[in-house]
């Protein structure tokens, strides 16, 4: 899914910043969704966000809580290298290449 499709379909706030040597993409997943893992596979950023139900569930018995939600965002054409990190519910992707 492209960034435009992601923000339209999922309602997330996203910004892209252009600098001389890189481009930075920032996506706000909200303060409630800070429990997330992020990785880059080929030309796709994959984010898995644990739901609040999953984090607070009593795991001592019964059925396990629902899995987290996975998002996949395609990187723009021309990206040679991308670095990702998540802090306070905000995903940051630093991209280098011929954008």
PDB file of N, CA and C in Angstrom:
ATOM      1  N   UNK A   1       0.849  -1.154   0.000  1.00  0.00           N
ATOM      2  CA  UNK A   1       0.000   0.000   0.000  1.00  0.00           C
ATOM      3  C   UNK A   1       0.905   1.229   0.000  1.00  0.00           C
ATOM      4  N   UNK A   2       0.547   2.222  -0.793  1.00  0.00           N
ATOM      5  CA  UNK A   2       1.336   3.447  -0.827  1.00  0.00           C
ATOM      6  C   UNK A   2       1.021   4.287   0.407  1.00  0.00           C
ATOM      7  N   UNK A   3       1.852   5.293   0.663  1.00  0.00           N
ATOM      8  CA  UNK A   3       1.612   6.162   1.812  1.00  0.00           C
ATOM      9  C   UNK A   3       0.265   6.862   1.681  1.00  0.00           C
ATOM     10  N   UNK A   4      -0.083   7.321   0.494  1.00  0.00           N
ATOM     11  CA  UNK A   4      -1.358   8.003   0.284  1.00  0.00           C
ATOM     12  C   UNK A   4      -2.536   7.071   0.570  1.00  0.00           C
ATOM     13  N   UNK A   5      -2.464   5.834   0.101  1.00  0.00           N
ATOM     14  CA  UNK A   5      -3.524   4.861   0.377  1.00  0.00           C
ATOM     15  C   UNK A   5      -3.607   4.574   1.873  1.00  0.00           C
ATOM     16  N   UNK A   6      -2.458   4.431   2.523  1.00  0.00           N
ATOM     17  CA  UNK A   6      -2.413   4.126   3.950  1.00  0.00           C
ATOM     18  C   UNK A   6      -3.080   5.225   4.765  1.00  0.00           C
ATOM     19  N   UNK A   7      -2.727   6.481   4.516  1.00  0.00           N
ATOM     20  CA  UNK A   7      -3.287   7.572   5.311  1.00  0.00           C
ATOM     21  C   UNK A   7      -4.775   7.756   5.040  1.00  0.00           C
ATOM     22  N   UNK A   8      -5.205   7.518   3.805  1.00  0.00           N
ATOM     23  CA  UNK A   8      -6.626   7.636   3.472  1.00  0.00           C
ATOM     24  C   UNK A   8      -7.430   6.496   4.090  1.00  0.00           C
ATOM     25  N   UNK A   9      -6.961   5.257   3.923  1.00  0.00           N
ATOM     26  CA  UNK A   9      -7.689   4.081   4.408  1.00  0.00           C
ATOM     27  C   UNK A   9      -7.660   3.954   5.925  1.00  0.00           C
ATOM     28  N   UNK A  10      -6.523   4.223   6.538  1.00  0.00           N
ATOM     29  CA  UNK A  10      -6.352   3.985   7.970  1.00  0.00           C
ATOM     30  C   UNK A  10      -6.556   5.238   8.821  1.00  0.00           C
ATOM     31  N   UNK A  11      -6.578   6.423   8.202  1.00  0.00           N
ATOM     32  CA  UNK A  11      -6.805   7.657   8.943  1.00  0.00           C
ATOM     33  C   UNK A  11      -5.617   8.120   9.768  1.00  0.00           C
ATOM     34  N   UNK A  12      -4.423   7.673   9.434  1.00  0.00           N
ATOM     35  CA  UNK A  12      -3.221   8.072  10.171  1.00  0.00           C
ATOM     36  C   UNK A  12      -2.690   9.398   9.636  1.00  0.00           C
ATOM     37  N   UNK A  13      -2.092  10.188  10.511  1.00  0.00           N
ATOM     38  CA  UNK A  13      -1.440  11.435  10.124  1.00  0.00           C
ATOM     39  C   UNK A  13      -0.032  11.110   9.644  1.00  0.00           C
ATOM     40  N   UNK A  14       0.340  11.586   8.467  1.00  0.00           N
ATOM     41  CA  UNK A  14       1.676  11.311   7.926  1.00  0.00           C
ATOM     42  C   UNK A  14       2.215  12.556   7.242  1.00  0.00           C
ATOM     43  N   UNK A  15       3.542  12.724   7.334  1.00  0.00           N
ATOM     44  CA  UNK A  15       4.232  13.839   6.676  1.00  0.00           C
ATOM     45  C   UNK A  15       5.498  13.315   6.046  1.00  0.00           C
ATOM     46  N   UNK A  16       5.898  13.939   4.945  1.00  0.00           N
ATOM     47  CA  UNK A  16       7.171  13.601   4.321  1.00  0.00           C
ATOM     48  C   UNK A  16       7.975  14.886   4.202  1.00  0.00           C
ATOM     49  N   UNK A  17       9.242  14.815   4.645  1.00  0.00           N
ATOM     50  CA  UNK A  17      10.143  15.959   4.626  1.00  0.00           C
ATOM     51  C   UNK A  17      11.293  15.673   3.673  1.00  0.00           C
ATOM     52  N   UNK A  18      11.628  16.651   2.836  1.00  0.00           N
ATOM     53  CA  UNK A  18      12.718  16.509   1.876  1.00  0.00           C
ATOM     54  C   UNK A  18      13.919  17.322   2.350  1.00  0.00           C
ATOM     55  N   UNK A  19      15.071  16.676   2.415  1.00  0.00           N
ATOM     56  CA  UNK A  19      16.326  17.333   2.758  1.00  0.00           C
ATOM     57  C   UNK A  19      17.312  17.107   1.614  1.00  0.00           C
ATOM     58  N   UNK A  20      18.477  17.751   1.675  1.00  0.00           N
ATOM     59  CA  UNK A  20      19.464  17.630   0.600  1.00  0.00           C
ATOM     60  C   UNK A  20      19.895  16.190   0.364  1.00  0.00           C
ATOM     61  N   UNK A  21      20.177  15.459   1.426  1.00  0.00           N
ATOM     62  CA  UNK A  21      20.753  14.122   1.284  1.00  0.00           C
ATOM     63  C   UNK A  21      19.793  12.982   1.592  1.00  0.00           C
ATOM     64  N   UNK A  22      18.602  13.299   2.097  1.00  0.00           N
ATOM     65  CA  UNK A  22      17.657  12.232   2.422  1.00  0.00           C
ATOM     66  C   UNK A  22      16.238  12.777   2.461  1.00  0.00           C
ATOM     67  N   UNK A  23      15.308  11.865   2.570  1.00  0.00           N
ATOM     68  CA  UNK A  23      13.899  12.188   2.728  1.00  0.00           C
ATOM     69  C   UNK A  23      13.421  11.468   3.988  1.00  0.00           C
ATOM     70  N   UNK A  24      12.586  12.121   4.780  1.00  0.00           N
ATOM     71  CA  UNK A  24      12.113  11.539   6.034  1.00  0.00           C
ATOM     72  C   UNK A  24      10.591  11.450   6.001  1.00  0.00           C
ATOM     73  N   UNK A  25      10.094  10.284   6.337  1.00  0.00           N
ATOM     74  CA  UNK A  25       8.668  10.023   6.413  1.00  0.00           C
ATOM     75  C   UNK A  25       8.312   9.828   7.884  1.00  0.00           C
ATOM     76  N   UNK A  26       7.285  10.536   8.362  1.00  0.00           N
ATOM     77  CA  UNK A  26       6.838  10.397   9.751  1.00  0.00           C
ATOM     78  C   UNK A  26       5.349  10.058   9.754  1.00  0.00           C
ATOM     79  N   UNK A  27       4.989   8.983  10.471  1.00  0.00           N
ATOM     80  CA  UNK A  27       3.594   8.543  10.559  1.00  0.00           C
ATOM     81  C   UNK A  27       3.229   8.439  12.035  1.00  0.00           C
ATOM     82  N   UNK A  28       2.165   9.141  12.434  1.00  0.00           N
ATOM     83  CA  UNK A  28       1.718   9.126  13.824  1.00  0.00           C
ATOM     84  C   UNK A  28       0.670   8.030  13.999  1.00  0.00           C
ATOM     85  N   UNK A  29       1.024   7.004  14.792  1.00  0.00           N
ATOM     86  CA  UNK A  29       0.091   5.918  15.074  1.00  0.00           C
ATOM     87  C   UNK A  29      -0.748   6.202  16.309  1.00  0.00           C
ATOM     88  N   UNK A  30      -0.538   7.319  16.973  1.00  0.00           N
ATOM     89  CA  UNK A  30      -1.318   7.695  18.142  1.00  0.00           C
ATOM     90  C   UNK A  30      -0.659   7.260  19.432  1.00  0.00           C
ATOM     91  N   UNK A  31      -0.987   7.951  20.521  1.00  0.00           N
ATOM     92  CA  UNK A  31      -0.351   7.681  21.802  1.00  0.00           C
ATOM     93  C   UNK A  31      -0.734   6.334  22.389  1.00  0.00           C
ATOM     94  N   UNK A  32      -1.881   5.791  22.020  1.00  0.00           N
ATOM     95  CA  UNK A  32      -2.295   4.498  22.555  1.00  0.00           C
ATOM     96  C   UNK A  32      -1.583   3.330  21.886  1.00  0.00           C
ATOM     97  N   UNK A  33      -0.928   3.590  20.777  1.00  0.00           N
ATOM     98  CA  UNK A  33      -0.332   2.508  20.010  1.00  0.00           C
ATOM     99  C   UNK A  33       1.190   2.610  20.005  1.00  0.00           C
ATOM    100  N   UNK A  34       1.771   2.667  21.191  1.00  0.00           N
ATOM    101  CA  UNK A  34       3.222   2.804  21.288  1.00  0.00           C
ATOM    102  C   UNK A  34       3.930   1.464  21.314  1.00  0.00           C
ATOM    103  N   UNK A  35       3.194   0.381  21.515  1.00  0.00           N
ATOM    104  CA  UNK A  35       3.789  -0.950  21.541  1.00  0.00           C
ATOM    105  C   UNK A  35       3.836  -1.493  20.124  1.00  0.00           C
ATOM    106  N   UNK A  36       4.915  -1.197  19.412  1.00  0.00           N
ATOM    107  CA  UNK A  36       4.981  -1.567  18.002  1.00  0.00           C
ATOM    108  C   UNK A  36       6.374  -2.047  17.636  1.00  0.00           C
ATOM    109  N   UNK A  37       6.422  -2.869  16.595  1.00  0.00           N
ATOM    110  CA  UNK A  37       7.691  -3.324  16.022  1.00  0.00           C
ATOM    111  C   UNK A  37       7.700  -2.887  14.566  1.00  0.00           C
ATOM    112  N   UNK A  38       8.875  -2.482  14.083  1.00  0.00           N
ATOM    113  CA  UNK A  38       8.982  -2.003  12.707  1.00  0.00           C
ATOM    114  C   UNK A  38      10.204  -2.615  12.048  1.00  0.00           C
ATOM    115  N   UNK A  39      10.081  -2.905  10.751  1.00  0.00           N
ATOM    116  CA  UNK A  39      11.195  -3.477   9.992  1.00  0.00           C
ATOM    117  C   UNK A  39      11.021  -3.093   8.529  1.00  0.00           C
ATOM    118  N   UNK A  40      12.122  -3.140   7.785  1.00  0.00           N
ATOM    119  CA  UNK A  40      12.083  -2.909   6.342  1.00  0.00           C
ATOM    120  C   UNK A  40      12.453  -4.212   5.658  1.00  0.00           C
ATOM    121  N   UNK A  41      11.590  -4.676   4.761  1.00  0.00           N
ATOM    122  CA  UNK A  41      11.848  -5.880   3.978  1.00  0.00           C
ATOM    123  C   UNK A  41      11.716  -5.484   2.509  1.00  0.00           C
ATOM    124  N   UNK A  42      12.821  -5.603   1.782  1.00  0.00           N
ATOM    125  CA  UNK A  42      12.878  -5.161   0.387  1.00  0.00           C
ATOM    126  C   UNK A  42      12.463  -3.695   0.315  1.00  0.00           C
ATOM    127  N   UNK A  43      11.380  -3.386  -0.378  1.00  0.00           N
ATOM    128  CA  UNK A  43      10.922  -2.002  -0.536  1.00  0.00           C
ATOM    129  C   UNK A  43       9.657  -1.723   0.270  1.00  0.00           C
ATOM    130  N   UNK A  44       9.473  -2.460   1.373  1.00  0.00           N
ATOM    131  CA  UNK A  44       8.261  -2.335   2.172  1.00  0.00           C
ATOM    132  C   UNK A  44       8.603  -2.138   3.647  1.00  0.00           C
ATOM    133  N   UNK A  45       7.969  -1.141   4.270  1.00  0.00           N
ATOM    134  CA  UNK A  45       8.072  -0.946   5.717  1.00  0.00           C
ATOM    135  C   UNK A  45       6.924  -1.726   6.341  1.00  0.00           C
ATOM    136  N   UNK A  46       7.243  -2.603   7.293  1.00  0.00           N
ATOM    137  CA  UNK A  46       6.231  -3.412   7.966  1.00  0.00           C
ATOM    138  C   UNK A  46       6.172  -2.984   9.427  1.00  0.00           C
ATOM    139  N   UNK A  47       4.969  -2.627   9.873  1.00  0.00           N
ATOM    140  CA  UNK A  47       4.750  -2.198  11.253  1.00  0.00           C
ATOM    141  C   UNK A  47       3.714  -3.123  11.872  1.00  0.00           C
ATOM    142  N   UNK A  48       4.026  -3.689  13.034  1.00  0.00           N
ATOM    143  CA  UNK A  48       3.071  -4.508  13.777  1.00  0.00           C
ATOM    144  C   UNK A  48       2.807  -3.796  15.096  1.00  0.00           C
ATOM    145  N   UNK A  49       1.536  -3.447  15.321  1.00  0.00           N
ATOM    146  CA  UNK A  49       1.135  -2.707  16.513  1.00  0.00           C
ATOM    147  C   UNK A  49       0.293  -3.620  17.384  1.00  0.00           C
ATOM    148  N   UNK A  50       0.711  -3.809  18.644  1.00  0.00           N
ATOM    149  CA  UNK A  50      -0.085  -4.585  19.593  1.00  0.00           C
ATOM    150  C   UNK A  50      -1.294  -3.765  20.001  1.00  0.00           C
ATOM    151  N   UNK A  51      -2.428  -4.422  20.079  1.00  0.00           N
ATOM    152  CA  UNK A  51      -3.641  -3.741  20.522  1.00  0.00           C
ATOM    153  C   UNK A  51      -3.609  -3.571  22.036  1.00  0.00           C
ATOM    154  N   UNK A  52      -4.391  -2.625  22.546  1.00  0.00           N
ATOM    155  CA  UNK A  52      -4.468  -2.415  23.991  1.00  0.00           C
ATOM    156  C   UNK A  52      -4.999  -3.662  24.683  1.00  0.00           C
ATOM    157  N   UNK A  53      -5.937  -4.380  24.037  1.00  0.00           N
ATOM    158  CA  UNK A  53      -6.487  -5.612  24.614  1.00  0.00           C
ATOM    159  C   UNK A  53      -5.396  -6.653  24.784  1.00  0.00           C
ATOM    160  N   UNK A  54      -4.511  -6.738  23.818  1.00  0.00           N
ATOM    161  CA  UNK A  54      -3.438  -7.728  23.867  1.00  0.00           C
ATOM    162  C   UNK A  54      -2.443  -7.395  24.984  1.00  0.00           C
ATOM    163  N   UNK A  55      -2.107  -6.121  25.138  1.00  0.00           N
ATOM    164  CA  UNK A  55      -1.127  -5.716  26.151  1.00  0.00           C
ATOM    165  C   UNK A  55      -1.652  -5.925  27.566  1.00  0.00           C
ATOM    166  N   UNK A  56      -2.961  -5.681  27.782  1.00  0.00           N
ATOM    167  CA  UNK A  56      -3.500  -5.730  29.135  1.00  0.00           C
ATOM    168  C   UNK A  56      -4.202  -7.043  29.466  1.00  0.00           C
ATOM    169  N   UNK A  57      -4.170  -7.989  28.563  1.00  0.00           N
ATOM    170  CA  UNK A  57      -4.908  -9.241  28.768  1.00  0.00           C
ATOM    171  C   UNK A  57      -4.291 -10.081  29.880  1.00  0.00           C
ATOM    172  N   UNK A  58      -5.171 -10.754  30.631  1.00  0.00           N
ATOM    173  CA  UNK A  58      -4.729 -11.717  31.638  1.00  0.00           C
ATOM    174  C   UNK A  58      -4.421 -13.013  30.907  1.00  0.00           C
ATOM    175  N   UNK A  59      -3.176 -13.415  30.916  1.00  0.00           N
ATOM    176  CA  UNK A  59      -2.757 -14.597  30.153  1.00  0.00           C
ATOM    177  C   UNK A  59      -2.689 -15.857  31.012  1.00  0.00           C
ATOM    178  N   UNK A  60      -3.307 -15.822  32.192  1.00  0.00           N
ATOM    179  CA  UNK A  60      -3.217 -16.964  33.096  1.00  0.00           C
ATOM    180  C   UNK A  60      -4.139 -18.110  32.696  1.00  0.00           C
ATOM    181  N   UNK A  61      -5.086 -17.865  31.845  1.00  0.00           N
ATOM    182  CA  UNK A  61      -5.986 -18.937  31.419  1.00  0.00           C
ATOM    183  C   UNK A  61      -6.935 -18.442  30.355  1.00  0.00           C
ATOM    184  N   UNK A  62      -7.652 -19.362  29.743  1.00  0.00           N
ATOM    185  CA  UNK A  62      -8.592 -18.982  28.699  1.00  0.00           C
ATOM    186  C   UNK A  62      -7.905 -18.775  27.368  1.00  0.00           C
ATOM    187  N   UNK A  63      -8.643 -18.186  26.444  1.00  0.00           N
ATOM    188  CA  UNK A  63      -8.100 -17.996  25.097  1.00  0.00           C
ATOM    189  C   UNK A  63      -7.155 -16.799  25.057  1.00  0.00           C
ATOM    190  N   UNK A  64      -6.162 -16.856  24.179  1.00  0.00           N
ATOM    191  CA  UNK A  64      -5.215 -15.749  24.078  1.00  0.00           C
ATOM    192  C   UNK A  64      -5.886 -14.521  23.466  1.00  0.00           C
ATOM    193  N   UNK A  65      -5.363 -13.333  23.731  1.00  0.00           N
ATOM    194  CA  UNK A  65      -5.931 -12.119  23.145  1.00  0.00           C
ATOM    195  C   UNK A  65      -5.686 -12.082  21.640  1.00  0.00           C
ATOM    196  N   UNK A  66      -6.436 -11.225  20.954  1.00  0.00           N
ATOM    197  CA  UNK A  66      -6.258 -11.065  19.509  1.00  0.00           C
ATOM    198  C   UNK A  66      -4.843 -10.603  19.195  1.00  0.00           C
ATOM    199  N   UNK A  67      -4.373 -10.999  18.009  1.00  0.00           N
ATOM    200  CA  UNK A  67      -3.060 -10.553  17.559  1.00  0.00           C
ATOM    201  C   UNK A  67      -3.096  -9.063  17.267  1.00  0.00           C
ATOM    202  N   UNK A  68      -1.892  -8.496  17.134  1.00  0.00           N
ATOM    203  CA  UNK A  68      -1.782  -7.091  16.779  1.00  0.00           C
ATOM    204  C   UNK A  68      -2.180  -6.860  15.330  1.00  0.00           C
ATOM    205  N   UNK A  69      -2.133  -5.611  14.941  1.00  0.00           N
ATOM    206  CA  UNK A  69      -2.482  -5.207  13.587  1.00  0.00           C
ATOM    207  C   UNK A  69      -1.196  -4.974  12.809  1.00  0.00           C
ATOM    208  N   UNK A  70      -1.143  -5.469  11.570  1.00  0.00           N
ATOM    209  CA  UNK A  70       0.044  -5.297  10.734  1.00  0.00           C
ATOM    210  C   UNK A  70      -0.263  -4.317   9.607  1.00  0.00           C
ATOM    211  N   UNK A  71       0.653  -3.367   9.414  1.00  0.00           N
ATOM    212  CA  UNK A  71       0.555  -2.406   8.321  1.00  0.00           C
ATOM    213  C   UNK A  71       1.761  -2.588   7.415  1.00  0.00           C
ATOM    214  N   UNK A  72       1.554  -2.454   6.119  1.00  0.00           N
ATOM    215  CA  UNK A  72       2.651  -2.516   5.156  1.00  0.00           C
ATOM    216  C   UNK A  72       2.594  -1.261   4.295  1.00  0.00           C
ATOM    217  N   UNK A  73       3.707  -0.530   4.248  1.00  0.00           N
ATOM    218  CA  UNK A  73       3.788   0.708   3.483  1.00  0.00           C
ATOM    219  C   UNK A  73       4.921   0.568   2.480  1.00  0.00           C
ATOM    220  N   UNK A  74       4.605   0.748   1.200  1.00  0.00           N
ATOM    221  CA  UNK A  74       5.621   0.659   0.153  1.00  0.00           C
ATOM    222  C   UNK A  74       6.490   1.909   0.155  1.00  0.00           C
ATOM    223  N   UNK A  75       7.804   1.707   0.042  1.00  0.00           N
ATOM    224  CA  UNK A  75       8.721   2.831  -0.080  1.00  0.00           C
ATOM    225  C   UNK A  75       8.637   3.398  -1.495  1.00  0.00           C
ATOM    226  N   UNK A  76       8.896   4.705  -1.649  1.00  0.00           N
ATOM    227  CA  UNK A  76       8.871   5.292  -2.993  1.00  0.00           C
ATOM    228  C   UNK A  76       9.957   4.694  -3.886  1.00  0.00           C
ATOM    229  N   UNK A  77       9.753   4.765  -5.199  1.00  0.00           N
ATOM    230  CA  UNK A  77      10.769   4.317  -6.150  1.00  0.00           C
ATOM    231  C   UNK A  77      12.044   5.134  -5.957  1.00  0.00           C
ATOM    232  N   UNK A  78      13.178   4.488  -6.134  1.00  0.00           N
ATOM    233  CA  UNK A  78      14.462   5.167  -6.050  1.00  0.00           C
ATOM    234  C   UNK A  78      15.128   5.120  -4.692  1.00  0.00           C
ATOM    235  N   UNK A  79      14.482   4.517  -3.688  1.00  0.00           N
ATOM    236  CA  UNK A  79      15.088   4.424  -2.357  1.00  0.00           C
ATOM    237  C   UNK A  79      16.174   3.355  -2.382  1.00  0.00           C
ATOM    238  N   UNK A  80      17.413   3.765  -2.045  1.00  0.00           N
ATOM    239  CA  UNK A  80      18.532   2.824  -1.983  1.00  0.00           C
ATOM    240  C   UNK A  80      18.706   2.242  -0.588  1.00  0.00           C
ATOM    241  N   UNK A  81      18.414   3.052   0.433  1.00  0.00           N
ATOM    242  CA  UNK A  81      18.625   2.634   1.816  1.00  0.00           C
ATOM    243  C   UNK A  81      17.563   3.301   2.684  1.00  0.00           C
ATOM    244  N   UNK A  82      17.025   2.564   3.650  1.00  0.00           N
ATOM    245  CA  UNK A  82      16.015   3.114   4.552  1.00  0.00           C
ATOM    246  C   UNK A  82      16.290   2.645   5.972  1.00  0.00           C
ATOM    247  N   UNK A  83      16.154   3.573   6.917  1.00  0.00           N
ATOM    248  CA  UNK A  83      16.323   3.279   8.340  1.00  0.00           C
ATOM    249  C   UNK A  83      15.024   3.647   9.046  1.00  0.00           C
ATOM    250  N   UNK A  84      14.569   2.779   9.949  1.00  0.00           N
ATOM    251  CA  UNK A  84      13.298   3.011  10.626  1.00  0.00           C
ATOM    252  C   UNK A  84      13.470   2.993  12.136  1.00  0.00           C
ATOM    253  N   UNK A  85      12.628   3.754  12.812  1.00  0.00           N
ATOM    254  CA  UNK A  85      12.525   3.649  14.262  1.00  0.00           C
ATOM    255  C   UNK A  85      11.167   4.171  14.698  1.00  0.00           C
ATOM    256  N   UNK A  86      10.747   3.767  15.891  1.00  0.00           N
ATOM    257  CA  UNK A  86       9.444   4.131  16.437  1.00  0.00           C
ATOM    258  C   UNK A  86       9.666   4.711  17.831  1.00  0.00           C
ATOM    259  N   UNK A  87       9.067   5.884  18.097  1.00  0.00           N
ATOM    260  CA  UNK A  87       9.164   6.490  19.423  1.00  0.00           C
ATOM    261  C   UNK A  87       7.855   7.227  19.706  1.00  0.00           C
ATOM    262  N   UNK A  88       7.282   6.962  20.873  1.00  0.00           N
ATOM    263  CA  UNK A  88       6.036   7.605  21.304  1.00  0.00           C
ATOM    264  C   UNK A  88       4.916   7.480  20.274  1.00  0.00           C
ATOM    265  N   UNK A  89       4.839   6.339  19.619  1.00  0.00           N
ATOM    266  CA  UNK A  89       3.776   6.102  18.658  1.00  0.00           C
ATOM    267  C   UNK A  89       3.996   6.709  17.287  1.00  0.00           C
ATOM    268  N   UNK A  90       5.181   7.314  17.058  1.00  0.00           N
ATOM    269  CA  UNK A  90       5.480   7.918  15.756  1.00  0.00           C
ATOM    270  C   UNK A  90       6.547   7.090  15.046  1.00  0.00           C
ATOM    271  N   UNK A  91       6.204   6.613  13.858  1.00  0.00           N
ATOM    272  CA  UNK A  91       7.143   5.889  13.012  1.00  0.00           C
ATOM    273  C   UNK A  91       7.922   6.903  12.188  1.00  0.00           C
ATOM    274  N   UNK A  92       9.253   6.762  12.166  1.00  0.00           N
ATOM    275  CA  UNK A  92      10.109   7.607  11.337  1.00  0.00           C
ATOM    276  C   UNK A  92      10.896   6.716  10.398  1.00  0.00           C
ATOM    277  N   UNK A  93      10.863   7.052   9.114  1.00  0.00           N
ATOM    278  CA  UNK A  93      11.609   6.318   8.096  1.00  0.00           C
ATOM    279  C   UNK A  93      12.528   7.315   7.404  1.00  0.00           C
ATOM    280  N   UNK A  94      13.841   7.104   7.538  1.00  0.00           N
ATOM    281  CA  UNK A  94      14.821   7.947   6.857  1.00  0.00           C
ATOM    282  C   UNK A  94      15.244   7.224   5.585  1.00  0.00           C
ATOM    283  N   UNK A  95      15.044   7.878   4.434  1.00  0.00           N
ATOM    284  CA  UNK A  95      15.290   7.243   3.140  1.00  0.00           C
ATOM    285  C   UNK A  95      16.387   7.982   2.383  1.00  0.00           C
ATOM    286  N   UNK A  96      17.299   7.211   1.799  1.00  0.00           N
ATOM    287  CA  UNK A  96      18.361   7.773   0.977  1.00  0.00           C
ATOM    288  C   UNK A  96      18.262   7.173  -0.415  1.00  0.00           C
ATOM    289  N   UNK A  97      18.671   7.937  -1.399  1.00  0.00           N
ATOM    290  CA  UNK A  97      18.654   7.448  -2.773  1.00  0.00           C
ATOM    291  C   UNK A  97      18.228   8.532  -3.728  1.00  0.00           C
ATOM    292  N   UNK A  98      17.925   8.132  -4.946  1.00  0.00           N
ATOM    293  CA  UNK A  98      17.496   9.053  -5.991  1.00  0.00           C
ATOM    294  C   UNK A  98      15.978   9.146  -5.967  1.00  0.00           C
ATOM    295  N   UNK A  99      15.481   9.975  -5.056  1.00  0.00           N
ATOM    296  CA  UNK A  99      14.033  10.090  -4.875  1.00  0.00           C
ATOM    297  C   UNK A  99      13.500  11.135  -5.805  1.00  0.00           C
TER     298      UNK A  99
END
